[in-house]
């Protein structure tokens, strides 16, 4: 791994992603939660990358942190599918505020106007 680029290692699903990351870094010197797909141990993974530029021994370098969100994304997609295809009205709330309702909930209650 050391001494080789992400392209050489075949990490990037899309060859334009390294350029897109570099362009975002060039703007502010820092990127947070750059979402991409990478090949990890022969499997495609959804990854969030946060990175910053820095001076390292007189040369411009990048320090990066990657977080694998594959399972979190899979769970979100499954939950969305359940919510969207349920035959009953379902509402998700947080702190007594509606975050999301499915189609059946909207059919039951319509677009509720505060009274």
C-alpha atoms as a PDB file:
ATOM      1  CA  UNK A   1       0.000   0.000   0.000  1.00  0.00           C
ATOM      2  CA  UNK A   2       2.707   2.495   0.993  1.00  0.00           C
ATOM      3  CA  UNK A   3       4.183   4.353  -1.940  1.00  0.00           C
ATOM      4  CA  UNK A   4       1.205   3.638  -4.215  1.00  0.00           C
ATOM      5  CA  UNK A   5      -1.784   5.800  -5.110  1.00  0.00           C
ATOM      6  CA  UNK A   6      -5.444   4.972  -4.627  1.00  0.00           C
ATOM      7  CA  UNK A   7      -5.719   4.681  -8.414  1.00  0.00           C
ATOM      8  CA  UNK A   8      -2.828   2.205  -8.526  1.00  0.00           C
ATOM      9  CA  UNK A   9      -4.496   0.162  -5.792  1.00  0.00           C
ATOM     10  CA  UNK A  10      -7.834   0.224  -7.633  1.00  0.00           C
ATOM     11  CA  UNK A  11      -9.654   1.757  -4.670  1.00  0.00           C
ATOM     12  CA  UNK A  12     -11.886   4.196  -6.557  1.00  0.00           C
ATOM     13  CA  UNK A  13     -15.148   3.024  -8.137  1.00  0.00           C
ATOM     14  CA  UNK A  14     -15.114   6.127 -10.344  1.00  0.00           C
ATOM     15  CA  UNK A  15     -11.823   7.396 -11.743  1.00  0.00           C
ATOM     16  CA  UNK A  16     -13.110  10.989 -11.412  1.00  0.00           C
ATOM     17  CA  UNK A  17     -13.507  10.738  -7.626  1.00  0.00           C
ATOM     18  CA  UNK A  18      -9.867  11.546  -6.750  1.00  0.00           C
ATOM     19  CA  UNK A  19     -10.100  14.702  -8.888  1.00  0.00           C
ATOM     20  CA  UNK A  20     -13.420  15.660  -7.269  1.00  0.00           C
ATOM     21  CA  UNK A  21     -11.911  15.177  -3.795  1.00  0.00           C
ATOM     22  CA  UNK A  22      -8.834  17.217  -4.783  1.00  0.00           C
ATOM     23  CA  UNK A  23     -11.036  20.015  -6.151  1.00  0.00           C
ATOM     24  CA  UNK A  24     -13.011  20.193  -2.902  1.00  0.00           C
ATOM     25  CA  UNK A  25      -9.776  20.200  -0.896  1.00  0.00           C
ATOM     26  CA  UNK A  26      -8.339  22.977  -3.055  1.00  0.00           C
ATOM     27  CA  UNK A  27     -11.217  25.264  -2.110  1.00  0.00           C
ATOM     28  CA  UNK A  28     -10.874  25.331   1.676  1.00  0.00           C
ATOM     29  CA  UNK A  29      -8.081  22.901   2.481  1.00  0.00           C
ATOM     30  CA  UNK A  30     -10.588  20.637   4.216  1.00  0.00           C
ATOM     31  CA  UNK A  31     -13.374  18.238   3.226  1.00  0.00           C
ATOM     32  CA  UNK A  32     -15.878  16.614   5.563  1.00  0.00           C
ATOM     33  CA  UNK A  33     -18.024  13.555   4.778  1.00  0.00           C
ATOM     34  CA  UNK A  34     -17.066  13.183   1.108  1.00  0.00           C
ATOM     35  CA  UNK A  35     -19.248  10.257   0.072  1.00  0.00           C
ATOM     36  CA  UNK A  36     -17.796   7.773  -2.376  1.00  0.00           C
ATOM     37  CA  UNK A  37     -17.552   4.068  -3.191  1.00  0.00           C
ATOM     38  CA  UNK A  38     -14.260   2.218  -2.754  1.00  0.00           C
ATOM     39  CA  UNK A  39     -13.047  -1.308  -3.352  1.00  0.00           C
ATOM     40  CA  UNK A  40     -12.058  -2.840   0.006  1.00  0.00           C
ATOM     41  CA  UNK A  41     -10.821  -6.439   0.147  1.00  0.00           C
ATOM     42  CA  UNK A  42     -12.536  -7.172  -3.163  1.00  0.00           C
ATOM     43  CA  UNK A  43     -15.906  -5.690  -2.139  1.00  0.00           C
ATOM     44  CA  UNK A  44     -17.433  -2.313  -2.959  1.00  0.00           C
ATOM     45  CA  UNK A  45     -18.070  -0.278   0.170  1.00  0.00           C
ATOM     46  CA  UNK A  46     -19.885   3.022   0.772  1.00  0.00           C
ATOM     47  CA  UNK A  47     -17.354   5.298   2.453  1.00  0.00           C
ATOM     48  CA  UNK A  48     -17.313   8.780   3.968  1.00  0.00           C
ATOM     49  CA  UNK A  49     -13.925  10.478   3.698  1.00  0.00           C
ATOM     50  CA  UNK A  50     -12.890  13.544   5.656  1.00  0.00           C
ATOM     51  CA  UNK A  51      -9.562  15.097   4.710  1.00  0.00           C
ATOM     52  CA  UNK A  52      -7.379  18.143   5.200  1.00  0.00           C
ATOM     53  CA  UNK A  53      -4.250  19.450   3.546  1.00  0.00           C
ATOM     54  CA  UNK A  54      -1.146  20.039   5.620  1.00  0.00           C
ATOM     55  CA  UNK A  55       2.530  20.806   5.311  1.00  0.00           C
ATOM     56  CA  UNK A  56       4.617  17.683   5.858  1.00  0.00           C
ATOM     57  CA  UNK A  57       8.358  18.225   5.849  1.00  0.00           C
ATOM     58  CA  UNK A  58       7.971  21.209   3.541  1.00  0.00           C
ATOM     59  CA  UNK A  59       5.636  19.491   1.068  1.00  0.00           C
ATOM     60  CA  UNK A  60       1.878  19.673   0.643  1.00  0.00           C
ATOM     61  CA  UNK A  61       0.245  16.505   1.945  1.00  0.00           C
ATOM     62  CA  UNK A  62      -3.223  15.269   2.783  1.00  0.00           C
ATOM     63  CA  UNK A  63      -4.367  13.535   5.947  1.00  0.00           C
ATOM     64  CA  UNK A  64      -7.564  11.529   5.462  1.00  0.00           C
ATOM     65  CA  UNK A  65      -9.986   9.622   7.652  1.00  0.00           C
ATOM     66  CA  UNK A  66     -12.368   7.100   6.098  1.00  0.00           C
ATOM     67  CA  UNK A  67     -15.515   5.661   7.641  1.00  0.00           C
ATOM     68  CA  UNK A  68     -17.227   2.587   6.159  1.00  0.00           C
ATOM     69  CA  UNK A  69     -20.979   3.287   6.104  1.00  0.00           C
ATOM     70  CA  UNK A  70     -21.977   0.278   3.992  1.00  0.00           C
ATOM     71  CA  UNK A  71     -24.010  -1.458   6.692  1.00  0.00           C
ATOM     72  CA  UNK A  72     -25.594   1.794   7.841  1.00  0.00           C
ATOM     73  CA  UNK A  73     -26.648   2.539   4.261  1.00  0.00           C
ATOM     74  CA  UNK A  74     -27.967  -0.992   3.766  1.00  0.00           C
ATOM     75  CA  UNK A  75     -30.060  -0.665   6.931  1.00  0.00           C
ATOM     76  CA  UNK A  76     -31.367   2.746   5.815  1.00  0.00           C
ATOM     77  CA  UNK A  77     -32.382   1.395   2.396  1.00  0.00           C
ATOM     78  CA  UNK A  78     -34.140  -1.563   4.025  1.00  0.00           C
ATOM     79  CA  UNK A  79     -35.964   0.709   6.489  1.00  0.00           C
ATOM     80  CA  UNK A  80     -37.024   3.005   3.640  1.00  0.00           C
ATOM     81  CA  UNK A  81     -38.353   0.021   1.674  1.00  0.00           C
ATOM     82  CA  UNK A  82     -40.342  -1.207   4.686  1.00  0.00           C
ATOM     83  CA  UNK A  83     -41.726   2.262   5.350  1.00  0.00           C
ATOM     84  CA  UNK A  84     -42.600   2.894   1.704  1.00  0.00           C
ATOM     85  CA  UNK A  85     -44.307  -0.472   1.172  1.00  0.00           C
ATOM     86  CA  UNK A  86     -46.120  -0.912   4.486  1.00  0.00           C
ATOM     87  CA  UNK A  87     -49.887  -1.370   4.210  1.00  0.00           C
ATOM     88  CA  UNK A  88     -50.497   0.798   7.298  1.00  0.00           C
ATOM     89  CA  UNK A  89     -49.784   4.420   8.107  1.00  0.00           C
ATOM     90  CA  UNK A  90     -46.376   4.905   9.723  1.00  0.00           C
ATOM     91  CA  UNK A  91     -44.834   8.088  11.093  1.00  0.00           C
ATOM     92  CA  UNK A  92     -41.306   8.573  12.396  1.00  0.00           C
ATOM     93  CA  UNK A  93     -41.003  11.273  15.040  1.00  0.00           C
ATOM     94  CA  UNK A  94     -38.165  12.758  17.030  1.00  0.00           C
ATOM     95  CA  UNK A  95     -38.742  15.115  19.970  1.00  0.00           C
ATOM     96  CA  UNK A  96     -42.462  15.085  19.135  1.00  0.00           C
ATOM     97  CA  UNK A  97     -41.768  16.363  15.608  1.00  0.00           C
ATOM     98  CA  UNK A  98     -42.550  14.421  12.466  1.00  0.00           C
ATOM     99  CA  UNK A  99     -39.407  13.433  10.577  1.00  0.00           C
ATOM    100  CA  UNK A 100     -41.048  11.221   7.965  1.00  0.00           C
ATOM    101  CA  UNK A 101     -44.427   9.708   7.141  1.00  0.00           C
ATOM    102  CA  UNK A 102     -45.292   7.083   4.574  1.00  0.00           C
ATOM    103  CA  UNK A 103     -47.907   7.288   1.822  1.00  0.00           C
ATOM    104  CA  UNK A 104     -50.590   5.521   3.881  1.00  0.00           C
ATOM    105  CA  UNK A 105     -50.133   7.977   6.760  1.00  0.00           C
ATOM    106  CA  UNK A 106     -50.668  10.830   4.316  1.00  0.00           C
ATOM    107  CA  UNK A 107     -53.783   9.113   2.922  1.00  0.00           C
ATOM    108  CA  UNK A 108     -55.214   8.776   6.442  1.00  0.00           C
ATOM    109  CA  UNK A 109     -54.358  12.241   7.738  1.00  0.00           C
ATOM    110  CA  UNK A 110     -53.751  14.223   4.562  1.00  0.00           C
ATOM    111  CA  UNK A 111     -51.653  17.334   4.763  1.00  0.00           C
ATOM    112  CA  UNK A 112     -52.433  18.343   8.330  1.00  0.00           C
ATOM    113  CA  UNK A 113     -52.659  22.082   8.943  1.00  0.00           C
ATOM    114  CA  UNK A 114     -51.970  23.401  12.475  1.00  0.00           C
ATOM    115  CA  UNK A 115     -55.121  24.581  14.254  1.00  0.00           C
END
